[in-house]
Amino acid sequence: MIITLQNQKGGVGKTTLSLHLAHYFALRGARVLVVDADPQGSARDWLQARETSAPFTLVGLDRPTVHRDIENLLRDYDMVVIDAPPRVTDIARSAILAADLVVIPVQPSPLDVWAAQDTVRLVNDAVVYKEALKSVFAINREIVNTAIGRDVSSALAESQVPVLASHISQRVAFAESLAHGQTVFETKTDTKAVAEIEGLGAELLGLFDHHVFEPFRRQA
């Protein structure tokens, strides 16, 4: 299963979600590959900051042939998570074509909702070549105890792309863990942050019905 995290607007938390979801899948027994397709290389910077080996494999493939190059790597992994670049580029299109599922992280603000439509258009273009391609919105960096996440979900529903029920809150624990080359599963300073990623990961696995994923789906 290949998941691409994509949004044409920068700063929506794609890398944070990519790394945390990859760790979630790895903790459930999956062999996980993270592909850093963003020329900015934030995921690779995270790997360099680690003091121990990562719980998953991470490679850089920031070129417009991701969908072809990744074919040589698939046999060794159960899950692939692609951290795609912002902006409409050939790399972004390639990362979408490589995917089985495109997750579109959206922050709860009108600007993000409007910007997300550019990504939806890219996905719709890709469906012409890959009919089975799925896409979903994921609310990220939601402010706790506010109604804005619900309001944004309603606004996104107009695009006919499903909105995941699992929302990720704006939590210091995410930034602090990444700064040390870790995830919240390792720092364990915020149990709510861990629970939110677990909920998101389990919901994503639930979108697929394939025997290959059963061993670690049952642990979710």
N, C-alpha and C. Protein backbone atom coordinates (compact mmCIF):
# COMPACT_ATOMS: atom_id res chain seq x y z
N MET A 1 0.85 -1.19 0.00
CA MET A 1 0.00 0.00 0.00
C MET A 1 0.88 1.24 0.00
N ILE A 2 0.62 2.15 -0.89
CA ILE A 2 1.40 3.38 -1.00
C ILE A 2 0.50 4.57 -0.65
N ILE A 3 0.91 5.33 0.35
CA ILE A 3 0.17 6.52 0.77
C ILE A 3 1.02 7.74 0.47
N THR A 4 0.46 8.68 -0.24
CA THR A 4 1.14 9.95 -0.50
C THR A 4 0.45 11.06 0.28
N LEU A 5 1.24 11.82 1.03
CA LEU A 5 0.70 12.99 1.73
C LEU A 5 1.02 14.21 0.89
N GLN A 6 -0.03 14.90 0.45
CA GLN A 6 0.13 15.95 -0.54
C GLN A 6 -0.80 17.13 -0.25
N ASN A 7 -0.26 18.31 -0.34
CA ASN A 7 -1.05 19.53 -0.33
C ASN A 7 -0.22 20.60 -0.99
N GLN A 8 -0.84 21.36 -1.87
CA GLN A 8 -0.09 22.38 -2.59
C GLN A 8 0.29 23.56 -1.71
N LYS A 9 -0.32 23.65 -0.54
CA LYS A 9 0.04 24.71 0.41
C LYS A 9 1.09 24.17 1.38
N GLY A 10 2.16 24.89 1.54
CA GLY A 10 3.20 24.47 2.47
C GLY A 10 2.79 24.72 3.91
N GLY A 11 3.48 24.08 4.85
CA GLY A 11 3.26 24.32 6.26
C GLY A 11 2.03 23.69 6.84
N VAL A 12 1.49 22.65 6.19
CA VAL A 12 0.28 22.00 6.70
C VAL A 12 0.59 20.77 7.55
N GLY A 13 1.88 20.44 7.68
CA GLY A 13 2.26 19.31 8.53
C GLY A 13 2.40 17.99 7.81
N LYS A 14 2.72 18.02 6.51
CA LYS A 14 2.86 16.77 5.76
C LYS A 14 3.97 15.89 6.32
N THR A 15 5.12 16.49 6.57
CA THR A 15 6.26 15.70 7.05
C THR A 15 5.98 15.13 8.44
N THR A 16 5.39 15.93 9.30
CA THR A 16 5.05 15.45 10.65
C THR A 16 4.12 14.24 10.57
N LEU A 17 3.09 14.32 9.77
CA LEU A 17 2.17 13.20 9.63
C LEU A 17 2.83 12.01 8.94
N SER A 18 3.66 12.26 7.94
CA SER A 18 4.33 11.17 7.23
C SER A 18 5.18 10.33 8.18
N LEU A 19 5.99 11.00 8.98
CA LEU A 19 6.90 10.29 9.89
C LEU A 19 6.14 9.57 11.00
N HIS A 20 5.12 10.21 11.51
CA HIS A 20 4.36 9.59 12.60
C HIS A 20 3.52 8.42 12.09
N LEU A 21 2.92 8.54 10.93
CA LEU A 21 2.18 7.41 10.38
C LEU A 21 3.10 6.24 10.06
N ALA A 22 4.27 6.55 9.52
CA ALA A 22 5.24 5.49 9.22
C ALA A 22 5.62 4.74 10.50
N HIS A 23 5.83 5.47 11.59
CA HIS A 23 6.19 4.82 12.84
C HIS A 23 5.02 4.01 13.37
N TYR A 24 3.82 4.53 13.23
CA TYR A 24 2.62 3.78 13.65
C TYR A 24 2.54 2.44 12.92
N PHE A 25 2.71 2.46 11.60
CA PHE A 25 2.64 1.22 10.82
C PHE A 25 3.77 0.27 11.22
N ALA A 26 4.97 0.81 11.45
CA ALA A 26 6.11 -0.03 11.83
C ALA A 26 5.88 -0.70 13.17
N LEU A 27 5.27 0.02 14.10
CA LEU A 27 5.00 -0.56 15.42
C LEU A 27 4.00 -1.70 15.34
N ARG A 28 3.26 -1.77 14.26
CA ARG A 28 2.29 -2.84 14.09
C ARG A 28 2.82 -3.95 13.19
N GLY A 29 4.11 -3.97 12.99
CA GLY A 29 4.74 -5.09 12.30
C GLY A 29 4.93 -4.93 10.81
N ALA A 30 4.58 -3.79 10.26
CA ALA A 30 4.75 -3.58 8.83
C ALA A 30 6.19 -3.20 8.50
N ARG A 31 6.65 -3.63 7.36
CA ARG A 31 7.94 -3.16 6.83
C ARG A 31 7.64 -1.87 6.08
N VAL A 32 8.17 -0.75 6.57
CA VAL A 32 7.74 0.57 6.10
C VAL A 32 8.89 1.31 5.43
N LEU A 33 8.57 1.92 4.30
CA LEU A 33 9.51 2.79 3.59
C LEU A 33 8.92 4.19 3.53
N VAL A 34 9.68 5.19 3.95
CA VAL A 34 9.30 6.59 3.77
C VAL A 34 10.10 7.16 2.62
N VAL A 35 9.41 7.75 1.68
CA VAL A 35 10.06 8.40 0.54
C VAL A 35 9.94 9.90 0.72
N ASP A 36 11.06 10.57 0.89
CA ASP A 36 11.09 12.02 0.98
C ASP A 36 11.19 12.57 -0.44
N ALA A 37 10.05 12.99 -0.99
CA ALA A 37 10.00 13.50 -2.35
C ALA A 37 10.02 15.02 -2.40
N ASP A 38 10.22 15.64 -1.25
CA ASP A 38 10.26 17.10 -1.16
C ASP A 38 11.71 17.57 -1.24
N PRO A 39 12.07 18.38 -2.24
CA PRO A 39 13.45 18.86 -2.35
C PRO A 39 13.96 19.57 -1.09
N GLN A 40 13.05 20.07 -0.28
CA GLN A 40 13.47 20.71 0.97
C GLN A 40 14.11 19.70 1.92
N GLY A 41 13.71 18.43 1.82
CA GLY A 41 14.37 17.36 2.55
C GLY A 41 14.15 17.35 4.05
N SER A 42 13.00 17.78 4.52
CA SER A 42 12.75 17.84 5.96
C SER A 42 12.78 16.46 6.61
N ALA A 43 12.25 15.46 5.94
CA ALA A 43 12.26 14.11 6.50
C ALA A 43 13.69 13.59 6.62
N ARG A 44 14.53 13.93 5.64
CA ARG A 44 15.93 13.52 5.71
C ARG A 44 16.66 14.26 6.83
N ASP A 45 16.29 15.51 7.06
CA ASP A 45 16.87 16.25 8.19
C ASP A 45 16.51 15.58 9.51
N TRP A 46 15.26 15.12 9.61
CA TRP A 46 14.83 14.40 10.81
C TRP A 46 15.67 13.15 11.03
N LEU A 47 15.94 12.43 9.96
CA LEU A 47 16.73 11.20 10.07
C LEU A 47 18.15 11.52 10.54
N GLN A 48 18.71 12.60 10.05
CA GLN A 48 20.06 13.00 10.46
C GLN A 48 20.11 13.38 11.93
N ALA A 49 18.99 13.86 12.46
CA ALA A 49 18.95 14.30 13.86
C ALA A 49 18.82 13.13 14.84
N ARG A 50 18.53 11.95 14.33
CA ARG A 50 18.35 10.79 15.22
C ARG A 50 19.68 10.32 15.80
N GLU A 51 19.61 9.83 17.02
CA GLU A 51 20.79 9.26 17.67
C GLU A 51 20.79 7.74 17.59
N THR A 52 19.67 7.16 17.19
CA THR A 52 19.57 5.71 17.01
C THR A 52 18.99 5.43 15.62
N SER A 53 19.05 4.18 15.20
CA SER A 53 18.50 3.84 13.89
C SER A 53 16.99 4.05 13.87
N ALA A 54 16.47 4.41 12.72
CA ALA A 54 15.04 4.71 12.59
C ALA A 54 14.24 3.41 12.58
N PRO A 55 12.97 3.48 13.00
CA PRO A 55 12.11 2.29 13.00
C PRO A 55 11.60 1.91 11.61
N PHE A 56 12.01 2.65 10.60
CA PHE A 56 11.61 2.38 9.23
C PHE A 56 12.71 2.89 8.31
N THR A 57 12.66 2.50 7.06
CA THR A 57 13.64 2.95 6.07
C THR A 57 13.20 4.28 5.48
N LEU A 58 14.14 5.19 5.27
CA LEU A 58 13.83 6.49 4.68
C LEU A 58 14.82 6.78 3.56
N VAL A 59 14.29 7.12 2.39
CA VAL A 59 15.12 7.46 1.25
C VAL A 59 14.64 8.77 0.63
N GLY A 60 15.52 9.45 -0.07
CA GLY A 60 15.15 10.66 -0.80
C GLY A 60 14.95 10.35 -2.27
N LEU A 61 13.79 10.73 -2.80
CA LEU A 61 13.50 10.58 -4.23
C LEU A 61 12.78 11.84 -4.71
N ASP A 62 13.49 12.94 -4.69
CA ASP A 62 12.86 14.21 -5.07
C ASP A 62 13.09 14.50 -6.55
N ARG A 63 12.47 13.66 -7.35
CA ARG A 63 12.55 13.84 -8.80
C ARG A 63 11.21 13.43 -9.43
N PRO A 64 10.94 13.90 -10.64
CA PRO A 64 9.61 13.68 -11.23
C PRO A 64 9.39 12.28 -11.78
N THR A 65 10.17 11.32 -11.32
CA THR A 65 10.00 9.93 -11.76
C THR A 65 9.74 9.02 -10.57
N VAL A 66 9.18 9.59 -9.49
CA VAL A 66 8.93 8.81 -8.28
C VAL A 66 8.07 7.60 -8.58
N HIS A 67 7.03 7.78 -9.38
CA HIS A 67 6.09 6.68 -9.65
C HIS A 67 6.75 5.53 -10.39
N ARG A 68 7.83 5.79 -11.12
CA ARG A 68 8.55 4.72 -11.79
C ARG A 68 9.68 4.17 -10.91
N ASP A 69 10.43 5.06 -10.28
CA ASP A 69 11.58 4.65 -9.48
C ASP A 69 11.18 3.79 -8.29
N ILE A 70 10.00 4.05 -7.74
CA ILE A 70 9.57 3.36 -6.53
C ILE A 70 9.26 1.88 -6.80
N GLU A 71 9.00 1.53 -8.03
CA GLU A 71 8.66 0.15 -8.37
C GLU A 71 9.78 -0.81 -7.98
N ASN A 72 11.01 -0.37 -8.04
CA ASN A 72 12.14 -1.23 -7.71
C ASN A 72 12.28 -1.48 -6.21
N LEU A 73 11.54 -0.72 -5.40
CA LEU A 73 11.68 -0.83 -3.94
C LEU A 73 10.52 -1.58 -3.29
N LEU A 74 9.43 -1.73 -3.99
CA LEU A 74 8.19 -2.21 -3.37
C LEU A 74 8.27 -3.62 -2.82
N ARG A 75 9.07 -4.48 -3.43
CA ARG A 75 9.08 -5.88 -3.01
C ARG A 75 9.56 -6.07 -1.57
N ASP A 76 10.27 -5.11 -1.04
CA ASP A 76 10.84 -5.24 0.30
C ASP A 76 9.97 -4.63 1.40
N TYR A 77 8.82 -4.05 1.04
CA TYR A 77 8.03 -3.31 2.03
C TYR A 77 6.54 -3.62 1.92
N ASP A 78 5.87 -3.50 3.08
CA ASP A 78 4.41 -3.65 3.11
C ASP A 78 3.73 -2.30 2.90
N MET A 79 4.35 -1.25 3.40
CA MET A 79 3.77 0.09 3.37
C MET A 79 4.81 1.09 2.86
N VAL A 80 4.37 2.01 2.03
CA VAL A 80 5.22 3.11 1.58
C VAL A 80 4.49 4.41 1.88
N VAL A 81 5.18 5.34 2.52
CA VAL A 81 4.62 6.66 2.82
C VAL A 81 5.46 7.69 2.08
N ILE A 82 4.83 8.46 1.19
CA ILE A 82 5.54 9.46 0.40
C ILE A 82 5.23 10.85 0.95
N ASP A 83 6.26 11.57 1.34
CA ASP A 83 6.14 12.96 1.78
C ASP A 83 6.37 13.83 0.55
N ALA A 84 5.29 14.29 -0.05
CA ALA A 84 5.35 14.99 -1.34
C ALA A 84 5.62 16.48 -1.14
N PRO A 85 6.13 17.14 -2.19
CA PRO A 85 6.44 18.57 -2.08
C PRO A 85 5.20 19.44 -2.22
N PRO A 86 5.24 20.65 -1.66
CA PRO A 86 4.16 21.61 -1.90
C PRO A 86 4.26 22.17 -3.32
N ARG A 87 3.24 22.85 -3.72
CA ARG A 87 3.16 23.48 -5.03
C ARG A 87 2.93 22.45 -6.14
N VAL A 88 2.33 22.89 -7.21
CA VAL A 88 2.05 22.02 -8.36
C VAL A 88 3.34 21.88 -9.16
N THR A 89 3.97 20.74 -9.03
CA THR A 89 5.22 20.46 -9.75
C THR A 89 5.12 19.08 -10.37
N ASP A 90 6.08 18.77 -11.23
CA ASP A 90 6.12 17.43 -11.82
C ASP A 90 6.37 16.38 -10.75
N ILE A 91 7.12 16.74 -9.71
CA ILE A 91 7.36 15.79 -8.62
C ILE A 91 6.06 15.49 -7.89
N ALA A 92 5.28 16.53 -7.63
CA ALA A 92 4.00 16.35 -6.94
C ALA A 92 3.09 15.44 -7.76
N ARG A 93 3.03 15.66 -9.05
CA ARG A 93 2.19 14.81 -9.91
C ARG A 93 2.68 13.36 -9.88
N SER A 94 3.98 13.18 -9.91
CA SER A 94 4.55 11.84 -9.90
C SER A 94 4.26 11.13 -8.58
N ALA A 95 4.34 11.86 -7.46
CA ALA A 95 4.06 11.28 -6.15
C ALA A 95 2.61 10.84 -6.04
N ILE A 96 1.71 11.59 -6.66
CA ILE A 96 0.30 11.21 -6.66
C ILE A 96 0.07 9.98 -7.52
N LEU A 97 0.71 9.93 -8.68
CA LEU A 97 0.56 8.77 -9.56
C LEU A 97 1.10 7.49 -8.92
N ALA A 98 2.06 7.64 -8.02
CA ALA A 98 2.64 6.47 -7.36
C ALA A 98 1.72 5.87 -6.32
N ALA A 99 0.73 6.65 -5.86
CA ALA A 99 -0.05 6.29 -4.67
C ALA A 99 -1.24 5.38 -4.95
N ASP A 100 -1.62 4.65 -3.90
CA ASP A 100 -2.91 4.00 -3.84
C ASP A 100 -3.92 4.91 -3.14
N LEU A 101 -3.39 5.73 -2.23
CA LEU A 101 -4.22 6.65 -1.45
C LEU A 101 -3.47 7.97 -1.28
N VAL A 102 -4.15 9.07 -1.58
CA VAL A 102 -3.58 10.40 -1.34
C VAL A 102 -4.27 11.00 -0.12
N VAL A 103 -3.48 11.30 0.90
CA VAL A 103 -3.98 11.97 2.09
C VAL A 103 -3.65 13.44 1.97
N ILE A 104 -4.68 14.28 2.06
CA ILE A 104 -4.51 15.73 1.91
C ILE A 104 -4.66 16.38 3.28
N PRO A 105 -3.54 16.70 3.97
CA PRO A 105 -3.65 17.36 5.26
C PRO A 105 -4.14 18.79 5.09
N VAL A 106 -5.07 19.19 5.93
CA VAL A 106 -5.63 20.54 5.85
C VAL A 106 -5.71 21.12 7.25
N GLN A 107 -5.16 22.32 7.41
CA GLN A 107 -5.30 23.02 8.67
C GLN A 107 -6.68 23.69 8.70
N PRO A 108 -7.26 23.83 9.88
CA PRO A 108 -8.60 24.41 9.98
C PRO A 108 -8.61 25.92 9.78
N SER A 109 -8.53 26.33 8.52
CA SER A 109 -8.63 27.75 8.19
C SER A 109 -9.19 27.87 6.77
N PRO A 110 -9.90 28.93 6.48
CA PRO A 110 -10.47 29.09 5.12
C PRO A 110 -9.40 29.08 4.04
N LEU A 111 -8.23 29.67 4.31
CA LEU A 111 -7.17 29.70 3.31
C LEU A 111 -6.72 28.29 2.94
N ASP A 112 -6.63 27.43 3.94
CA ASP A 112 -6.21 26.05 3.67
C ASP A 112 -7.28 25.29 2.90
N VAL A 113 -8.54 25.54 3.22
CA VAL A 113 -9.62 24.88 2.50
C VAL A 113 -9.59 25.27 1.03
N TRP A 114 -9.39 26.54 0.76
CA TRP A 114 -9.33 26.99 -0.63
C TRP A 114 -8.12 26.39 -1.35
N ALA A 115 -6.97 26.39 -0.69
CA ALA A 115 -5.75 25.88 -1.31
C ALA A 115 -5.84 24.39 -1.57
N ALA A 116 -6.59 23.67 -0.75
CA ALA A 116 -6.69 22.22 -0.91
C ALA A 116 -7.34 21.83 -2.23
N GLN A 117 -8.12 22.73 -2.80
CA GLN A 117 -8.79 22.39 -4.06
C GLN A 117 -7.80 22.20 -5.19
N ASP A 118 -6.64 22.86 -5.12
CA ASP A 118 -5.61 22.64 -6.14
C ASP A 118 -5.12 21.19 -6.11
N THR A 119 -4.97 20.66 -4.89
CA THR A 119 -4.55 19.27 -4.74
C THR A 119 -5.63 18.33 -5.24
N VAL A 120 -6.88 18.64 -4.95
CA VAL A 120 -7.99 17.81 -5.43
C VAL A 120 -7.99 17.74 -6.95
N ARG A 121 -7.71 18.87 -7.58
CA ARG A 121 -7.66 18.88 -9.05
C ARG A 121 -6.53 18.00 -9.57
N LEU A 122 -5.37 18.01 -8.88
CA LEU A 122 -4.26 17.15 -9.28
C LEU A 122 -4.64 15.68 -9.16
N VAL A 123 -5.31 15.34 -8.07
CA VAL A 123 -5.74 13.96 -7.87
C VAL A 123 -6.74 13.55 -8.95
N ASN A 124 -7.68 14.42 -9.24
CA ASN A 124 -8.67 14.12 -10.28
C ASN A 124 -8.01 13.91 -11.64
N ASP A 125 -6.97 14.67 -11.91
CA ASP A 125 -6.22 14.47 -13.16
C ASP A 125 -5.56 13.10 -13.18
N ALA A 126 -5.04 12.68 -12.01
CA ALA A 126 -4.35 11.39 -11.93
C ALA A 126 -5.31 10.21 -12.07
N VAL A 127 -6.55 10.40 -11.63
CA VAL A 127 -7.54 9.32 -11.69
C VAL A 127 -7.80 8.88 -13.13
N VAL A 128 -7.58 9.78 -14.05
CA VAL A 128 -7.75 9.43 -15.46
C VAL A 128 -6.81 8.29 -15.83
N TYR A 129 -5.61 8.28 -15.23
CA TYR A 129 -4.61 7.25 -15.53
C TYR A 129 -4.63 6.11 -14.52
N LYS A 130 -5.20 6.37 -13.33
CA LYS A 130 -5.18 5.38 -12.26
C LYS A 130 -6.55 5.39 -11.59
N GLU A 131 -7.47 4.62 -12.13
CA GLU A 131 -8.87 4.70 -11.72
C GLU A 131 -9.10 4.31 -10.26
N ALA A 132 -8.26 3.44 -9.71
CA ALA A 132 -8.47 2.96 -8.34
C ALA A 132 -7.91 3.91 -7.29
N LEU A 133 -7.32 5.01 -7.70
CA LEU A 133 -6.71 5.95 -6.77
C LEU A 133 -7.76 6.55 -5.83
N LYS A 134 -7.47 6.51 -4.52
CA LYS A 134 -8.36 7.08 -3.52
C LYS A 134 -7.73 8.35 -2.94
N SER A 135 -8.58 9.21 -2.38
CA SER A 135 -8.08 10.41 -1.72
C SER A 135 -8.98 10.75 -0.54
N VAL A 136 -8.38 11.34 0.49
CA VAL A 136 -9.11 11.75 1.68
C VAL A 136 -8.49 13.03 2.23
N PHE A 137 -9.29 13.80 2.95
CA PHE A 137 -8.78 14.94 3.69
C PHE A 137 -8.49 14.50 5.13
N ALA A 138 -7.42 15.05 5.70
CA ALA A 138 -7.10 14.83 7.11
C ALA A 138 -6.94 16.18 7.78
N ILE A 139 -7.79 16.46 8.76
CA ILE A 139 -7.69 17.72 9.50
C ILE A 139 -6.48 17.65 10.42
N ASN A 140 -5.58 18.59 10.26
CA ASN A 140 -4.34 18.60 11.03
C ASN A 140 -4.17 19.94 11.74
N ARG A 141 -3.50 19.90 12.89
CA ARG A 141 -3.23 21.10 13.68
C ARG A 141 -4.51 21.81 14.10
N GLU A 142 -5.48 21.03 14.48
CA GLU A 142 -6.74 21.58 14.97
C GLU A 142 -6.53 22.15 16.38
N ILE A 143 -7.11 23.30 16.64
CA ILE A 143 -7.02 23.91 17.96
C ILE A 143 -8.00 23.21 18.88
N VAL A 144 -7.47 22.69 19.99
CA VAL A 144 -8.29 21.90 20.92
C VAL A 144 -9.41 22.75 21.51
N ASN A 145 -10.57 22.11 21.68
CA ASN A 145 -11.74 22.74 22.31
C ASN A 145 -12.32 23.90 21.50
N THR A 146 -12.22 23.81 20.19
CA THR A 146 -12.88 24.79 19.32
C THR A 146 -13.73 24.05 18.30
N ALA A 147 -14.67 24.75 17.72
CA ALA A 147 -15.58 24.13 16.74
C ALA A 147 -15.07 24.26 15.32
N ILE A 148 -13.91 24.89 15.13
CA ILE A 148 -13.46 25.20 13.78
C ILE A 148 -13.15 23.95 12.97
N GLY A 149 -12.70 22.88 13.64
CA GLY A 149 -12.44 21.64 12.92
C GLY A 149 -13.70 21.09 12.29
N ARG A 150 -14.81 21.14 13.03
CA ARG A 150 -16.09 20.68 12.50
C ARG A 150 -16.54 21.56 11.34
N ASP A 151 -16.34 22.86 11.47
CA ASP A 151 -16.75 23.78 10.41
C ASP A 151 -15.94 23.52 9.13
N VAL A 152 -14.65 23.27 9.28
CA VAL A 152 -13.80 23.01 8.12
C VAL A 152 -14.20 21.69 7.46
N SER A 153 -14.53 20.69 8.27
CA SER A 153 -14.98 19.42 7.72
C SER A 153 -16.21 19.61 6.83
N SER A 154 -17.13 20.45 7.27
CA SER A 154 -18.33 20.72 6.50
C SER A 154 -17.99 21.41 5.19
N ALA A 155 -17.05 22.36 5.25
CA ALA A 155 -16.65 23.09 4.04
C ALA A 155 -15.96 22.16 3.04
N LEU A 156 -15.11 21.26 3.55
CA LEU A 156 -14.39 20.33 2.68
C LEU A 156 -15.33 19.31 2.04
N ALA A 157 -16.42 19.00 2.71
CA ALA A 157 -17.35 18.00 2.20
C ALA A 157 -17.92 18.38 0.84
N GLU A 158 -17.91 19.66 0.53
CA GLU A 158 -18.44 20.12 -0.74
C GLU A 158 -17.60 19.64 -1.92
N SER A 159 -16.34 19.27 -1.68
CA SER A 159 -15.46 18.84 -2.76
C SER A 159 -15.66 17.38 -3.13
N GLN A 160 -16.50 16.65 -2.36
CA GLN A 160 -16.82 15.24 -2.59
C GLN A 160 -15.64 14.32 -2.29
N VAL A 161 -14.60 14.83 -1.63
CA VAL A 161 -13.51 13.99 -1.14
C VAL A 161 -13.80 13.70 0.33
N PRO A 162 -13.76 12.43 0.75
CA PRO A 162 -14.09 12.11 2.15
C PRO A 162 -13.16 12.82 3.13
N VAL A 163 -13.73 13.19 4.27
CA VAL A 163 -12.94 13.80 5.35
C VAL A 163 -12.82 12.76 6.46
N LEU A 164 -11.59 12.44 6.85
CA LEU A 164 -11.37 11.45 7.90
C LEU A 164 -11.97 11.92 9.22
N ALA A 165 -12.50 10.98 9.98
CA ALA A 165 -13.07 11.32 11.28
C ALA A 165 -11.99 11.64 12.30
N SER A 166 -10.80 11.08 12.11
CA SER A 166 -9.69 11.30 13.04
C SER A 166 -9.03 12.64 12.75
N HIS A 167 -9.00 13.52 13.75
CA HIS A 167 -8.35 14.82 13.62
C HIS A 167 -7.08 14.84 14.47
N ILE A 168 -6.08 15.56 13.98
CA ILE A 168 -4.82 15.72 14.72
C ILE A 168 -4.77 17.14 15.27
N SER A 169 -4.53 17.26 16.56
CA SER A 169 -4.55 18.58 17.21
C SER A 169 -3.19 19.27 17.11
N GLN A 170 -3.21 20.56 17.35
CA GLN A 170 -1.98 21.34 17.43
C GLN A 170 -1.36 21.06 18.80
N ARG A 171 -0.28 20.29 18.82
CA ARG A 171 0.35 19.89 20.07
C ARG A 171 1.85 20.12 20.02
N VAL A 172 2.39 20.69 21.08
CA VAL A 172 3.82 20.96 21.18
C VAL A 172 4.62 19.67 21.06
N ALA A 173 4.05 18.57 21.54
CA ALA A 173 4.77 17.29 21.55
C ALA A 173 5.23 16.86 20.16
N PHE A 174 4.45 17.18 19.13
CA PHE A 174 4.85 16.80 17.78
C PHE A 174 6.13 17.54 17.37
N ALA A 175 6.15 18.84 17.56
CA ALA A 175 7.33 19.63 17.17
C ALA A 175 8.55 19.25 18.01
N GLU A 176 8.35 19.05 19.29
CA GLU A 176 9.47 18.72 20.17
C GLU A 176 10.08 17.36 19.82
N SER A 177 9.24 16.40 19.50
CA SER A 177 9.77 15.08 19.16
C SER A 177 10.56 15.12 17.86
N LEU A 178 10.04 15.82 16.86
CA LEU A 178 10.74 15.89 15.58
C LEU A 178 12.07 16.62 15.70
N ALA A 179 12.14 17.61 16.56
CA ALA A 179 13.37 18.38 16.75
C ALA A 179 14.51 17.50 17.24
N HIS A 180 14.16 16.39 17.89
CA HIS A 180 15.17 15.47 18.42
C HIS A 180 15.28 14.21 17.57
N GLY A 181 14.72 14.25 16.36
CA GLY A 181 14.79 13.09 15.49
C GLY A 181 13.99 11.92 16.00
N GLN A 182 12.86 12.20 16.64
CA GLN A 182 12.01 11.16 17.19
C GLN A 182 10.56 11.40 16.78
N THR A 183 9.68 10.55 17.29
CA THR A 183 8.23 10.75 17.15
C THR A 183 7.63 10.70 18.55
N VAL A 184 6.36 11.01 18.65
CA VAL A 184 5.72 10.98 19.97
C VAL A 184 5.62 9.57 20.53
N PHE A 185 5.78 8.57 19.67
CA PHE A 185 5.80 7.19 20.16
C PHE A 185 7.07 6.92 20.97
N GLU A 186 8.11 7.72 20.72
CA GLU A 186 9.37 7.54 21.43
C GLU A 186 9.50 8.47 22.64
N THR A 187 9.08 9.72 22.46
CA THR A 187 9.20 10.66 23.58
C THR A 187 8.16 10.38 24.66
N LYS A 188 6.98 9.95 24.24
CA LYS A 188 5.91 9.56 25.17
C LYS A 188 5.57 10.64 26.19
N THR A 189 5.66 11.89 25.76
CA THR A 189 5.35 13.00 26.67
C THR A 189 3.90 13.44 26.59
N ASP A 190 3.19 12.97 25.57
CA ASP A 190 1.80 13.40 25.37
C ASP A 190 0.99 12.19 24.89
N THR A 191 0.28 11.56 25.79
CA THR A 191 -0.49 10.37 25.43
C THR A 191 -1.62 10.68 24.46
N LYS A 192 -2.14 11.90 24.52
CA LYS A 192 -3.21 12.28 23.60
C LYS A 192 -2.67 12.38 22.17
N ALA A 193 -1.45 12.87 22.02
CA ALA A 193 -0.84 12.94 20.69
C ALA A 193 -0.66 11.54 20.12
N VAL A 194 -0.20 10.63 20.95
CA VAL A 194 -0.04 9.23 20.52
C VAL A 194 -1.38 8.65 20.09
N ALA A 195 -2.41 8.88 20.90
CA ALA A 195 -3.73 8.34 20.60
C ALA A 195 -4.29 8.89 19.30
N GLU A 196 -4.02 10.16 19.02
CA GLU A 196 -4.52 10.76 17.78
C GLU A 196 -3.87 10.13 16.56
N ILE A 197 -2.57 9.89 16.60
CA ILE A 197 -1.89 9.25 15.47
C ILE A 197 -2.38 7.82 15.32
N GLU A 198 -2.56 7.13 16.43
CA GLU A 198 -3.08 5.77 16.36
C GLU A 198 -4.46 5.73 15.73
N GLY A 199 -5.30 6.68 16.08
CA GLY A 199 -6.63 6.75 15.50
C GLY A 199 -6.58 7.01 14.00
N LEU A 200 -5.71 7.94 13.60
CA LEU A 200 -5.57 8.26 12.18
C LEU A 200 -5.04 7.07 11.40
N GLY A 201 -4.00 6.43 11.93
CA GLY A 201 -3.42 5.28 11.25
C GLY A 201 -4.41 4.14 11.10
N ALA A 202 -5.16 3.86 12.15
CA ALA A 202 -6.15 2.80 12.09
C ALA A 202 -7.24 3.11 11.08
N GLU A 203 -7.64 4.36 11.00
CA GLU A 203 -8.68 4.74 10.04
C GLU A 203 -8.18 4.59 8.61
N LEU A 204 -6.92 4.94 8.37
CA LEU A 204 -6.37 4.78 7.03
C LEU A 204 -6.29 3.31 6.64
N LEU A 205 -5.86 2.46 7.56
CA LEU A 205 -5.81 1.03 7.26
C LEU A 205 -7.20 0.50 6.96
N GLY A 206 -8.20 1.05 7.61
CA GLY A 206 -9.56 0.60 7.40
C GLY A 206 -10.10 0.90 6.01
N LEU A 207 -9.42 1.77 5.29
CA LEU A 207 -9.86 2.10 3.93
C LEU A 207 -9.48 1.01 2.93
N PHE A 208 -8.62 0.09 3.37
CA PHE A 208 -8.15 -0.95 2.47
C PHE A 208 -8.59 -2.32 2.97
N ASP A 209 -8.95 -3.17 2.05
CA ASP A 209 -9.38 -4.52 2.39
C ASP A 209 -8.51 -5.51 1.61
N HIS A 210 -7.39 -5.88 2.22
CA HIS A 210 -6.44 -6.75 1.54
C HIS A 210 -5.74 -7.62 2.57
N HIS A 211 -5.61 -8.91 2.29
CA HIS A 211 -5.07 -9.86 3.28
C HIS A 211 -3.65 -9.54 3.69
N VAL A 212 -2.88 -8.86 2.82
CA VAL A 212 -1.49 -8.54 3.13
C VAL A 212 -1.40 -7.70 4.39
N PHE A 213 -2.43 -6.87 4.64
CA PHE A 213 -2.36 -5.93 5.76
C PHE A 213 -3.03 -6.46 7.03
N GLU A 214 -3.63 -7.66 6.97
CA GLU A 214 -4.36 -8.16 8.12
C GLU A 214 -3.52 -8.33 9.38
N PRO A 215 -2.27 -8.86 9.32
CA PRO A 215 -1.53 -9.08 10.56
C PRO A 215 -1.35 -7.84 11.41
N PHE A 216 -1.06 -6.68 10.78
CA PHE A 216 -0.87 -5.51 11.60
C PHE A 216 -2.12 -4.64 11.71
N ARG A 217 -3.12 -4.87 10.84
CA ARG A 217 -4.39 -4.17 11.02
C ARG A 217 -5.07 -4.66 12.30
N ARG A 218 -4.94 -5.97 12.59
CA ARG A 218 -5.58 -6.52 13.79
C ARG A 218 -4.99 -5.94 15.07
N GLN A 219 -3.76 -5.44 15.00
CA GLN A 219 -3.13 -4.86 16.18
C GLN A 219 -3.50 -3.39 16.36
N ALA A 220 -4.14 -2.80 15.36
CA ALA A 220 -4.44 -1.36 15.41
C ALA A 220 -5.49 -1.06 16.47
